[in-house]
Amino acid sequence: DIYFGSAICFSEPLHKIRIILGIDFKPGYIRVLVKDND
């Protein structure tokens, strides 16, 4: 599996605290397996 993404982060410099907003997305349809039962 793979996601691409972008984000913006706002930082307070003294304590290096970060506030983050972002989005990850799959670049296309990806093959996945869903477990129906054992």
PDB file of all heavy atoms in Angstrom:
ATOM      1  N   ASP A   1       0.839  -1.203   0.000  1.00  0.00           N
ATOM      2  CA  ASP A   1       0.000   0.000   0.000  1.00  0.00           C
ATOM      3  C   ASP A   1       0.872   1.250   0.000  1.00  0.00           C
ATOM      4  O   ASP A   1       2.030   1.210   0.442  1.00  0.00           O
ATOM      5  CB  ASP A   1      -0.910   0.008   1.226  1.00  0.00           C
ATOM      6  CG  ASP A   1      -2.232   0.718   0.971  1.00  0.00           C
ATOM      7  OD1 ASP A   1      -2.342   1.409  -0.062  1.00  0.00           O
ATOM      8  OD2 ASP A   1      -3.150   0.582   1.792  1.00  0.00           O
ATOM      9  N   ILE A   2       0.307   2.353  -0.462  1.00  0.00           N
ATOM     10  CA  ILE A   2       1.060   3.599  -0.510  1.00  0.00           C
ATOM     11  C   ILE A   2       0.097   4.789  -0.466  1.00  0.00           C
ATOM     12  O   ILE A   2      -1.014   4.722  -0.999  1.00  0.00           O
ATOM     13  CB  ILE A   2       1.939   3.678  -1.786  1.00  0.00           C
ATOM     14  CG1 ILE A   2       2.843   4.908  -1.759  1.00  0.00           C
ATOM     15  CG2 ILE A   2       1.081   3.672  -3.034  1.00  0.00           C
ATOM     16  CD1 ILE A   2       3.896   4.912  -2.866  1.00  0.00           C
ATOM     17  N   TYR A   3       0.508   5.838   0.223  1.00  0.00           N
ATOM     18  CA  TYR A   3      -0.184   7.125   0.237  1.00  0.00           C
ATOM     19  C   TYR A   3       0.818   8.219  -0.125  1.00  0.00           C
ATOM     20  O   TYR A   3       1.971   8.177   0.310  1.00  0.00           O
ATOM     21  CB  TYR A   3      -0.727   7.444   1.633  1.00  0.00           C
ATOM     22  CG  TYR A   3      -1.992   6.733   2.036  1.00  0.00           C
ATOM     23  CD1 TYR A   3      -1.950   5.458   2.571  1.00  0.00           C
ATOM     24  CD2 TYR A   3      -3.231   7.361   1.917  1.00  0.00           C
ATOM     25  CE1 TYR A   3      -3.111   4.810   2.968  1.00  0.00           C
ATOM     26  CE2 TYR A   3      -4.394   6.730   2.314  1.00  0.00           C
ATOM     27  CZ  TYR A   3      -4.331   5.455   2.843  1.00  0.00           C
ATOM     28  OH  TYR A   3      -5.486   4.817   3.230  1.00  0.00           O
ATOM     29  N   PHE A   4       0.374   9.185  -0.884  1.00  0.00           N
ATOM     30  CA  PHE A   4       1.097  10.442  -1.021  1.00  0.00           C
ATOM     31  C   PHE A   4       0.410  11.468  -0.133  1.00  0.00           C
ATOM     32  O   PHE A   4      -0.752  11.292   0.258  1.00  0.00           O
ATOM     33  CB  PHE A   4       1.110  10.916  -2.478  1.00  0.00           C
ATOM     34  CG  PHE A   4       1.987  10.077  -3.362  1.00  0.00           C
ATOM     35  CD1 PHE A   4       1.440   9.147  -4.249  1.00  0.00           C
ATOM     36  CD2 PHE A   4       3.360  10.207  -3.306  1.00  0.00           C
ATOM     37  CE1 PHE A   4       2.242   8.372  -5.058  1.00  0.00           C
ATOM     38  CE2 PHE A   4       4.183   9.440  -4.114  1.00  0.00           C
ATOM     39  CZ  PHE A   4       3.627   8.515  -4.986  1.00  0.00           C
ATOM     40  N   GLY A   5       1.119  12.544   0.184  1.00  0.00           N
ATOM     41  CA  GLY A   5       0.503  13.516   1.068  1.00  0.00           C
ATOM     42  C   GLY A   5       1.211  14.849   1.068  1.00  0.00           C
ATOM     43  O   GLY A   5       2.332  14.993   0.583  1.00  0.00           O
ATOM     44  N   SER A   6       0.530  15.840   1.634  1.00  0.00           N
ATOM     45  CA  SER A   6       1.107  17.167   1.851  1.00  0.00           C
ATOM     46  C   SER A   6       0.570  17.696   3.172  1.00  0.00           C
ATOM     47  O   SER A   6      -0.490  17.274   3.646  1.00  0.00           O
ATOM     48  CB  SER A   6       0.758  18.120   0.708  1.00  0.00           C
ATOM     49  OG  SER A   6      -0.647  18.273   0.611  1.00  0.00           O
ATOM     50  N   ALA A   7       1.317  18.612   3.768  1.00  0.00           N
ATOM     51  CA  ALA A   7       0.924  19.142   5.076  1.00  0.00           C
ATOM     52  C   ALA A   7       1.507  20.527   5.264  1.00  0.00           C
ATOM     53  O   ALA A   7       2.479  20.918   4.599  1.00  0.00           O
ATOM     54  CB  ALA A   7       1.397  18.213   6.196  1.00  0.00           C
ATOM     55  N   ILE A   8       0.895  21.270   6.167  1.00  0.00           N
ATOM     56  CA  ILE A   8       1.450  22.531   6.626  1.00  0.00           C
ATOM     57  C   ILE A   8       1.570  22.451   8.136  1.00  0.00           C
ATOM     58  O   ILE A   8       0.664  21.958   8.816  1.00  0.00           O
ATOM     59  CB  ILE A   8       0.592  23.733   6.179  1.00  0.00           C
ATOM     60  CG1 ILE A   8       1.260  25.038   6.630  1.00  0.00           C
ATOM     61  CG2 ILE A   8      -0.848  23.624   6.694  1.00  0.00           C
ATOM     62  CD1 ILE A   8       0.619  26.288   6.015  1.00  0.00           C
ATOM     63  N   CYS A   9       2.709  22.891   8.634  1.00  0.00           N
ATOM     64  CA  CYS A   9       3.001  22.812  10.065  1.00  0.00           C
ATOM     65  C   CYS A   9       3.379  24.197  10.564  1.00  0.00           C
ATOM     66  O   CYS A   9       4.215  24.870   9.956  1.00  0.00           O
ATOM     67  CB  CYS A   9       4.135  21.820  10.300  1.00  0.00           C
ATOM     68  SG  CYS A   9       4.815  21.852  11.952  1.00  0.00           S
ATOM     69  N   PHE A  10       2.763  24.633  11.663  1.00  0.00           N
ATOM     70  CA  PHE A  10       3.087  25.906  12.289  1.00  0.00           C
ATOM     71  C   PHE A  10       3.881  25.627  13.565  1.00  0.00           C
ATOM     72  O   PHE A  10       3.492  24.777  14.365  1.00  0.00           O
ATOM     73  CB  PHE A  10       1.811  26.693  12.610  1.00  0.00           C
ATOM     74  CG  PHE A  10       0.992  27.021  11.394  1.00  0.00           C
ATOM     75  CD1 PHE A  10      -0.083  26.211  11.029  1.00  0.00           C
ATOM     76  CD2 PHE A  10       1.300  28.109  10.604  1.00  0.00           C
ATOM     77  CE1 PHE A  10      -0.839  26.504   9.906  1.00  0.00           C
ATOM     78  CE2 PHE A  10       0.561  28.411   9.466  1.00  0.00           C
ATOM     79  CZ  PHE A  10      -0.518  27.601   9.124  1.00  0.00           C
ATOM     80  N   SER A  11       4.991  26.357  13.758  1.00  0.00           N
ATOM     81  CA  SER A  11       5.921  26.034  14.847  1.00  0.00           C
ATOM     82  C   SER A  11       6.124  27.193  15.798  1.00  0.00           C
ATOM     83  O   SER A  11       6.212  28.353  15.389  1.00  0.00           O
ATOM     84  CB  SER A  11       7.285  25.626  14.267  1.00  0.00           C
ATOM     85  OG  SER A  11       7.165  24.514  13.429  1.00  0.00           O
ATOM     86  N   GLU A  12       6.221  26.845  17.093  1.00  0.00           N
ATOM     87  CA  GLU A  12       6.643  27.784  18.137  1.00  0.00           C
ATOM     88  C   GLU A  12       8.121  27.513  18.372  1.00  0.00           C
ATOM     89  O   GLU A  12       8.507  26.389  18.686  1.00  0.00           O
ATOM     90  CB  GLU A  12       5.826  27.553  19.417  1.00  0.00           C
ATOM     91  CG  GLU A  12       6.061  28.565  20.517  1.00  0.00           C
ATOM     92  CD  GLU A  12       7.313  28.250  21.351  1.00  0.00           C
ATOM     93  OE1 GLU A  12       7.585  27.061  21.576  1.00  0.00           O
ATOM     94  OE2 GLU A  12       8.011  29.211  21.755  1.00  0.00           O
ATOM     95  N   PRO A  13       9.003  28.502  18.209  1.00  0.00           N
ATOM     96  CA  PRO A  13      10.435  28.213  18.117  1.00  0.00           C
ATOM     97  C   PRO A  13      11.130  27.830  19.423  1.00  0.00           C
ATOM     98  O   PRO A  13      12.056  27.023  19.397  1.00  0.00           O
ATOM     99  CB  PRO A  13      11.011  29.521  17.562  1.00  0.00           C
ATOM    100  CG  PRO A  13      10.043  30.578  17.976  1.00  0.00           C
ATOM    101  CD  PRO A  13       8.696  29.923  17.952  1.00  0.00           C
ATOM    102  N   LEU A  14      10.726  28.388  20.569  1.00  0.00           N
ATOM    103  CA  LEU A  14      11.477  28.148  21.799  1.00  0.00           C
ATOM    104  C   LEU A  14      11.381  26.697  22.245  1.00  0.00           C
ATOM    105  O   LEU A  14      12.392  26.057  22.553  1.00  0.00           O
ATOM    106  CB  LEU A  14      10.998  29.079  22.914  1.00  0.00           C
ATOM    107  CG  LEU A  14      11.735  28.925  24.246  1.00  0.00           C
ATOM    108  CD1 LEU A  14      13.221  29.237  24.093  1.00  0.00           C
ATOM    109  CD2 LEU A  14      11.122  29.824  25.314  1.00  0.00           C
ATOM    110  N   HIS A  15      10.160  26.167  22.285  1.00  0.00           N
ATOM    111  CA  HIS A  15       9.954  24.799  22.756  1.00  0.00           C
ATOM    112  C   HIS A  15       9.794  23.801  21.605  1.00  0.00           C
ATOM    113  O   HIS A  15       9.592  22.620  21.853  1.00  0.00           O
ATOM    114  CB  HIS A  15       8.723  24.742  23.659  1.00  0.00           C
ATOM    115  CG  HIS A  15       8.829  25.619  24.868  1.00  0.00           C
ATOM    116  ND1 HIS A  15       9.637  25.296  25.946  1.00  0.00           N
ATOM    117  CD2 HIS A  15       8.259  26.815  25.162  1.00  0.00           C
ATOM    118  CE1 HIS A  15       9.549  26.254  26.857  1.00  0.00           C
ATOM    119  NE2 HIS A  15       8.728  27.188  26.412  1.00  0.00           N
ATOM    120  N   LYS A  16       9.871  24.288  20.359  1.00  0.00           N
ATOM    121  CA  LYS A  16       9.763  23.438  19.173  1.00  0.00           C
ATOM    122  C   LYS A  16       8.429  22.687  19.120  1.00  0.00           C
ATOM    123  O   LYS A  16       8.367  21.518  18.707  1.00  0.00           O
ATOM    124  CB  LYS A  16      10.917  22.428  19.135  1.00  0.00           C
ATOM    125  CG  LYS A  16      12.305  23.041  19.055  1.00  0.00           C
ATOM    126  CD  LYS A  16      12.564  23.694  17.726  1.00  0.00           C
ATOM    127  CE  LYS A  16      13.986  24.169  17.570  1.00  0.00           C
ATOM    128  NZ  LYS A  16      14.227  24.856  16.296  1.00  0.00           N
ATOM    129  N   ILE A  17       7.350  23.360  19.545  1.00  0.00           N
ATOM    130  CA  ILE A  17       6.017  22.782  19.480  1.00  0.00           C
ATOM    131  C   ILE A  17       5.456  22.985  18.081  1.00  0.00           C
ATOM    132  O   ILE A  17       5.591  24.058  17.488  1.00  0.00           O
ATOM    133  CB  ILE A  17       5.083  23.426  20.524  1.00  0.00           C
ATOM    134  CG1 ILE A  17       5.672  23.255  21.939  1.00  0.00           C
ATOM    135  CG2 ILE A  17       3.686  22.824  20.450  1.00  0.00           C
ATOM    136  CD1 ILE A  17       5.805  21.835  22.391  1.00  0.00           C
ATOM    137  N   ARG A  18       4.782  21.958  17.542  1.00  0.00           N
ATOM    138  CA  ARG A  18       4.282  21.986  16.166  1.00  0.00           C
ATOM    139  C   ARG A  18       2.765  21.767  16.144  1.00  0.00           C
ATOM    140  O   ARG A  18       2.249  20.922  16.877  1.00  0.00           O
ATOM    141  CB  ARG A  18       4.934  20.862  15.345  1.00  0.00           C
ATOM    142  CG  ARG A  18       6.406  20.949  15.233  1.00  0.00           C
ATOM    143  CD  ARG A  18       7.085  19.585  14.997  1.00  0.00           C
ATOM    144  NE  ARG A  18       6.417  18.733  14.043  1.00  0.00           N
ATOM    145  CZ  ARG A  18       6.643  18.745  12.737  1.00  0.00           C
ATOM    146  NH1 ARG A  18       7.538  19.584  12.237  1.00  0.00           N
ATOM    147  NH2 ARG A  18       6.013  17.908  11.937  1.00  0.00           N
ATOM    148  N   ILE A  19       2.061  22.512  15.296  1.00  0.00           N
ATOM    149  CA  ILE A  19       0.645  22.285  15.009  1.00  0.00           C
ATOM    150  C   ILE A  19       0.543  21.905  13.537  1.00  0.00           C
ATOM    151  O   ILE A  19       1.060  22.614  12.669  1.00  0.00           O
ATOM    152  CB  ILE A  19      -0.192  23.546  15.299  1.00  0.00           C
ATOM    153  CG1 ILE A  19      -0.065  23.942  16.774  1.00  0.00           C
ATOM    154  CG2 ILE A  19      -1.657  23.314  14.944  1.00  0.00           C
ATOM    155  CD1 ILE A  19      -0.654  25.291  17.098  1.00  0.00           C
ATOM    156  N   ILE A  20      -0.120  20.782  13.248  1.00  0.00           N
ATOM    157  CA  ILE A  20      -0.044  20.179  11.922  1.00  0.00           C
ATOM    158  C   ILE A  20      -1.431  20.040  11.300  1.00  0.00           C
ATOM    159  O   ILE A  20      -2.384  19.621  11.967  1.00  0.00           O
ATOM    160  CB  ILE A  20       0.612  18.783  12.002  1.00  0.00           C
ATOM    161  CG1 ILE A  20       1.937  18.861  12.765  1.00  0.00           C
ATOM    162  CG2 ILE A  20       0.820  18.194  10.623  1.00  0.00           C
ATOM    163  CD1 ILE A  20       2.211  17.666  13.622  1.00  0.00           C
ATOM    164  N   LEU A  21      -1.526  20.379  10.025  1.00  0.00           N
ATOM    165  CA  LEU A  21      -2.716  20.132   9.213  1.00  0.00           C
ATOM    166  C   LEU A  21      -2.250  19.493   7.911  1.00  0.00           C
ATOM    167  O   LEU A  21      -1.299  19.980   7.288  1.00  0.00           O
ATOM    168  CB  LEU A  21      -3.463  21.430   8.908  1.00  0.00           C
ATOM    169  CG  LEU A  21      -4.021  22.216  10.097  1.00  0.00           C
ATOM    170  CD1 LEU A  21      -4.494  23.588   9.629  1.00  0.00           C
ATOM    171  CD2 LEU A  21      -5.161  21.460  10.761  1.00  0.00           C
ATOM    172  N   GLY A  22      -2.909  18.406   7.505  1.00  0.00           N
ATOM    173  CA  GLY A  22      -2.445  17.759   6.295  1.00  0.00           C
ATOM    174  C   GLY A  22      -3.466  16.812   5.705  1.00  0.00           C
ATOM    175  O   GLY A  22      -4.570  16.622   6.242  1.00  0.00           O
ATOM    176  N   ILE A  23      -3.098  16.219   4.595  1.00  0.00           N
ATOM    177  CA  ILE A  23      -3.942  15.218   3.947  1.00  0.00           C
ATOM    178  C   ILE A  23      -3.059  14.179   3.271  1.00  0.00           C
ATOM    179  O   ILE A  23      -2.037  14.514   2.654  1.00  0.00           O
ATOM    180  CB  ILE A  23      -4.910  15.862   2.926  1.00  0.00           C
ATOM    181  CG1 ILE A  23      -5.848  14.806   2.352  1.00  0.00           C
ATOM    182  CG2 ILE A  23      -4.161  16.585   1.818  1.00  0.00           C
ATOM    183  CD1 ILE A  23      -7.005  15.379   1.548  1.00  0.00           C
ATOM    184  N   ASP A  24      -3.423  12.894   3.435  1.00  0.00           N
ATOM    185  CA  ASP A  24      -2.789  11.795   2.723  1.00  0.00           C
ATOM    186  C   ASP A  24      -3.821  11.200   1.769  1.00  0.00           C
ATOM    187  O   ASP A  24      -5.019  11.173   2.063  1.00  0.00           O
ATOM    188  CB  ASP A  24      -2.313  10.712   3.693  1.00  0.00           C
ATOM    189  CG  ASP A  24      -1.117  11.162   4.511  1.00  0.00           C
ATOM    190  OD1 ASP A  24      -0.419  12.102   4.087  1.00  0.00           O
ATOM    191  OD2 ASP A  24      -0.886  10.578   5.584  1.00  0.00           O
ATOM    192  N   PHE A  25      -3.353  10.717   0.628  1.00  0.00           N
ATOM    193  CA  PHE A  25      -4.282  10.165  -0.357  1.00  0.00           C
ATOM    194  C   PHE A  25      -3.565   9.099  -1.173  1.00  0.00           C
ATOM    195  O   PHE A  25      -2.356   9.162  -1.400  1.00  0.00           O
ATOM    196  CB  PHE A  25      -4.821  11.257  -1.290  1.00  0.00           C
ATOM    197  CG  PHE A  25      -3.741  12.025  -2.005  1.00  0.00           C
ATOM    198  CD1 PHE A  25      -3.278  11.619  -3.248  1.00  0.00           C
ATOM    199  CD2 PHE A  25      -3.163  13.147  -1.418  1.00  0.00           C
ATOM    200  CE1 PHE A  25      -2.276  12.320  -3.906  1.00  0.00           C
ATOM    201  CE2 PHE A  25      -2.162  13.857  -2.066  1.00  0.00           C
ATOM    202  CZ  PHE A  25      -1.710  13.442  -3.309  1.00  0.00           C
ATOM    203  N   LYS A  26      -4.338   8.117  -1.620  1.00  0.00           N
ATOM    204  CA  LYS A  26      -3.778   7.111  -2.498  1.00  0.00           C
ATOM    205  C   LYS A  26      -3.721   7.668  -3.915  1.00  0.00           C
ATOM    206  O   LYS A  26      -4.681   8.284  -4.387  1.00  0.00           O
ATOM    207  CB  LYS A  26      -4.622   5.839  -2.439  1.00  0.00           C
ATOM    208  CG  LYS A  26      -4.574   5.149  -1.089  1.00  0.00           C
ATOM    209  CD  LYS A  26      -5.215   3.786  -1.114  1.00  0.00           C
ATOM    210  CE  LYS A  26      -5.061   3.111   0.253  1.00  0.00           C
ATOM    211  NZ  LYS A  26      -5.613   1.736   0.260  1.00  0.00           N
ATOM    212  N   PRO A  27      -2.624   7.470  -4.618  1.00  0.00           N
ATOM    213  CA  PRO A  27      -2.479   8.049  -5.964  1.00  0.00           C
ATOM    214  C   PRO A  27      -3.413   7.418  -6.990  1.00  0.00           C
ATOM    215  O   PRO A  27      -3.648   7.967  -8.058  1.00  0.00           O
ATOM    216  CB  PRO A  27      -1.014   7.768  -6.308  1.00  0.00           C
ATOM    217  CG  PRO A  27      -0.663   6.572  -5.484  1.00  0.00           C
ATOM    218  CD  PRO A  27      -1.430   6.713  -4.209  1.00  0.00           C
ATOM    219  N   GLY A  28      -3.952   6.273  -6.678  1.00  0.00           N
ATOM    220  CA  GLY A  28      -4.881   5.569  -7.568  1.00  0.00           C
ATOM    221  C   GLY A  28      -5.501   4.426  -6.801  1.00  0.00           C
ATOM    222  O   GLY A  28      -5.374   4.337  -5.569  1.00  0.00           O
ATOM    223  N   TYR A  29      -6.172   3.544  -7.503  1.00  0.00           N
ATOM    224  CA  TYR A  29      -6.759   2.386  -6.833  1.00  0.00           C
ATOM    225  C   TYR A  29      -5.661   1.371  -6.520  1.00  0.00           C
ATOM    226  O   TYR A  29      -4.859   1.014  -7.389  1.00  0.00           O
ATOM    227  CB  TYR A  29      -7.846   1.757  -7.696  1.00  0.00           C
ATOM    228  CG  TYR A  29      -9.136   2.558  -7.681  1.00  0.00           C
ATOM    229  CD1 TYR A  29      -9.384   3.524  -8.650  1.00  0.00           C
ATOM    230  CD2 TYR A  29     -10.083   2.346  -6.683  1.00  0.00           C
ATOM    231  CE1 TYR A  29     -10.560   4.266  -8.628  1.00  0.00           C
ATOM    232  CE2 TYR A  29     -11.262   3.088  -6.653  1.00  0.00           C
ATOM    233  CZ  TYR A  29     -11.488   4.041  -7.627  1.00  0.00           C
ATOM    234  OH  TYR A  29     -12.650   4.771  -7.589  1.00  0.00           O
ATOM    235  N   ILE A  30      -5.638   0.906  -5.281  1.00  0.00           N
ATOM    236  CA  ILE A  30      -4.617  -0.027  -4.801  1.00  0.00           C
ATOM    237  C   ILE A  30      -5.287  -1.349  -4.430  1.00  0.00           C
ATOM    238  O   ILE A  30      -6.357  -1.370  -3.802  1.00  0.00           O
ATOM    239  CB  ILE A  30      -3.889   0.550  -3.562  1.00  0.00           C
ATOM    240  CG1 ILE A  30      -3.311   1.936  -3.871  1.00  0.00           C
ATOM    241  CG2 ILE A  30      -2.805  -0.413  -3.075  1.00  0.00           C
ATOM    242  CD1 ILE A  30      -2.198   1.942  -4.880  1.00  0.00           C
ATOM    243  N   ARG A  31      -4.668  -2.443  -4.781  1.00  0.00           N
ATOM    244  CA  ARG A  31      -5.215  -3.763  -4.451  1.00  0.00           C
ATOM    245  C   ARG A  31      -5.084  -4.021  -2.948  1.00  0.00           C
ATOM    246  O   ARG A  31      -4.005  -3.851  -2.373  1.00  0.00           O
ATOM    247  CB  ARG A  31      -4.475  -4.864  -5.213  1.00  0.00           C
ATOM    248  CG  ARG A  31      -4.679  -4.793  -6.716  1.00  0.00           C
ATOM    249  CD  ARG A  31      -3.943  -5.908  -7.437  1.00  0.00           C
ATOM    250  NE  ARG A  31      -4.046  -5.756  -8.880  1.00  0.00           N
ATOM    251  CZ  ARG A  31      -5.067  -6.201  -9.613  1.00  0.00           C
ATOM    252  NH1 ARG A  31      -6.065  -6.845  -9.017  1.00  0.00           N
ATOM    253  NH2 ARG A  31      -5.084  -6.016 -10.902  1.00  0.00           N
ATOM    254  N   VAL A  32      -6.194  -4.440  -2.324  1.00  0.00           N
ATOM    255  CA  VAL A  32      -6.200  -4.757  -0.897  1.00  0.00           C
ATOM    256  C   VAL A  32      -6.932  -6.071  -0.684  1.00  0.00           C
ATOM    257  O   VAL A  32      -7.772  -6.472  -1.490  1.00  0.00           O
ATOM    258  CB  VAL A  32      -6.884  -3.632  -0.073  1.00  0.00           C
ATOM    259  CG1 VAL A  32      -6.082  -2.342  -0.150  1.00  0.00           C
ATOM    260  CG2 VAL A  32      -8.313  -3.413  -0.510  1.00  0.00           C
ATOM    261  N   LEU A  33      -6.608  -6.719   0.425  1.00  0.00           N
ATOM    262  CA  LEU A  33      -7.291  -7.959   0.808  1.00  0.00           C
ATOM    263  C   LEU A  33      -8.148  -7.684   2.040  1.00  0.00           C
ATOM    264  O   LEU A  33      -7.665  -7.145   3.033  1.00  0.00           O
ATOM    265  CB  LEU A  33      -6.272  -9.058   1.134  1.00  0.00           C
ATOM    266  CG  LEU A  33      -5.650  -9.821  -0.036  1.00  0.00           C
ATOM    267  CD1 LEU A  33      -4.634 -10.823   0.486  1.00  0.00           C
ATOM    268  CD2 LEU A  33      -6.724 -10.547  -0.847  1.00  0.00           C
ATOM    269  N   VAL A  34      -9.429  -8.076   1.952  1.00  0.00           N
ATOM    270  CA  VAL A  34     -10.344  -7.945   3.079  1.00  0.00           C
ATOM    271  C   VAL A  34     -10.657  -9.348   3.591  1.00  0.00           C
ATOM    272  O   VAL A  34     -11.027 -10.243   2.817  1.00  0.00           O
ATOM    273  CB  VAL A  34     -11.638  -7.224   2.670  1.00  0.00           C
ATOM    274  CG1 VAL A  34     -12.625  -7.159   3.844  1.00  0.00           C
ATOM    275  CG2 VAL A  34     -11.322  -5.818   2.166  1.00  0.00           C
ATOM    276  N   LYS A  35     -10.481  -9.535   4.906  1.00  0.00           N
ATOM    277  CA  LYS A  35     -10.707 -10.849   5.498  1.00  0.00           C
ATOM    278  C   LYS A  35     -12.202 -11.056   5.727  1.00  0.00           C
ATOM    279  O   LYS A  35     -12.838 -10.307   6.472  1.00  0.00           O
ATOM    280  CB  LYS A  35      -9.939 -10.950   6.813  1.00  0.00           C
ATOM    281  CG  LYS A  35      -9.980 -12.328   7.446  1.00  0.00           C
ATOM    282  CD  LYS A  35      -9.068 -12.379   8.661  1.00  0.00           C
ATOM    283  CE  LYS A  35      -9.046 -13.766   9.279  1.00  0.00           C
ATOM    284  NZ  LYS A  35      -8.158 -13.820  10.459  1.00  0.00           N
ATOM    285  N   ASP A  36     -12.774 -12.080   5.061  1.00  0.00           N
ATOM    286  CA  ASP A  36     -14.189 -12.389   5.240  1.00  0.00           C
ATOM    287  C   ASP A  36     -14.406 -13.270   6.459  1.00  0.00           C
ATOM    288  O   ASP A  36     -15.338 -13.060   7.242  1.00  0.00           O
ATOM    289  CB  ASP A  36     -14.738 -13.085   3.992  1.00  0.00           C
ATOM    290  CG  ASP A  36     -14.608 -12.206   2.752  1.00  0.00           C
ATOM    291  OD1 ASP A  36     -14.812 -10.981   2.886  1.00  0.00           O
ATOM    292  OD2 ASP A  36     -14.301 -12.733   1.672  1.00  0.00           O
ATOM    293  N   ASN A  37     -13.549 -14.279   6.615  1.00  0.00           N
ATOM    294  CA  ASN A  37     -13.594 -15.180   7.780  1.00  0.00           C
ATOM    295  C   ASN A  37     -12.221 -15.798   7.929  1.00  0.00           C
ATOM    296  O   ASN A  37     -11.265 -15.354   7.274  1.00  0.00           O
ATOM    297  CB  ASN A  37     -14.701 -16.230   7.626  1.00  0.00           C
ATOM    298  CG  ASN A  37     -14.590 -16.973   6.308  1.00  0.00           C
ATOM    299  OD1 ASN A  37     -13.543 -17.534   5.984  1.00  0.00           O
ATOM    300  ND2 ASN A  37     -15.684 -16.946   5.518  1.00  0.00           N
ATOM    301  N   ASP A  38     -12.103 -16.811   8.727  1.00  0.00           N
ATOM    302  CA  ASP A  38     -10.789 -17.389   9.018  1.00  0.00           C
ATOM    303  C   ASP A  38     -10.110 -17.984   7.793  1.00  0.00           C
ATOM    304  O   ASP A  38      -8.883 -18.116   7.756  1.00  0.00           O
ATOM    305  CB  ASP A  38     -10.921 -18.461  10.107  1.00  0.00           C
ATOM    306  CG  ASP A  38     -11.252 -17.849  11.466  1.00  0.00           C
ATOM    307  OD1 ASP A  38     -11.029 -16.629  11.617  1.00  0.00           O
ATOM    308  OD2 ASP A  38     -11.741 -18.576  12.349  1.00  0.00           O
TER     309      ASP A  38
END
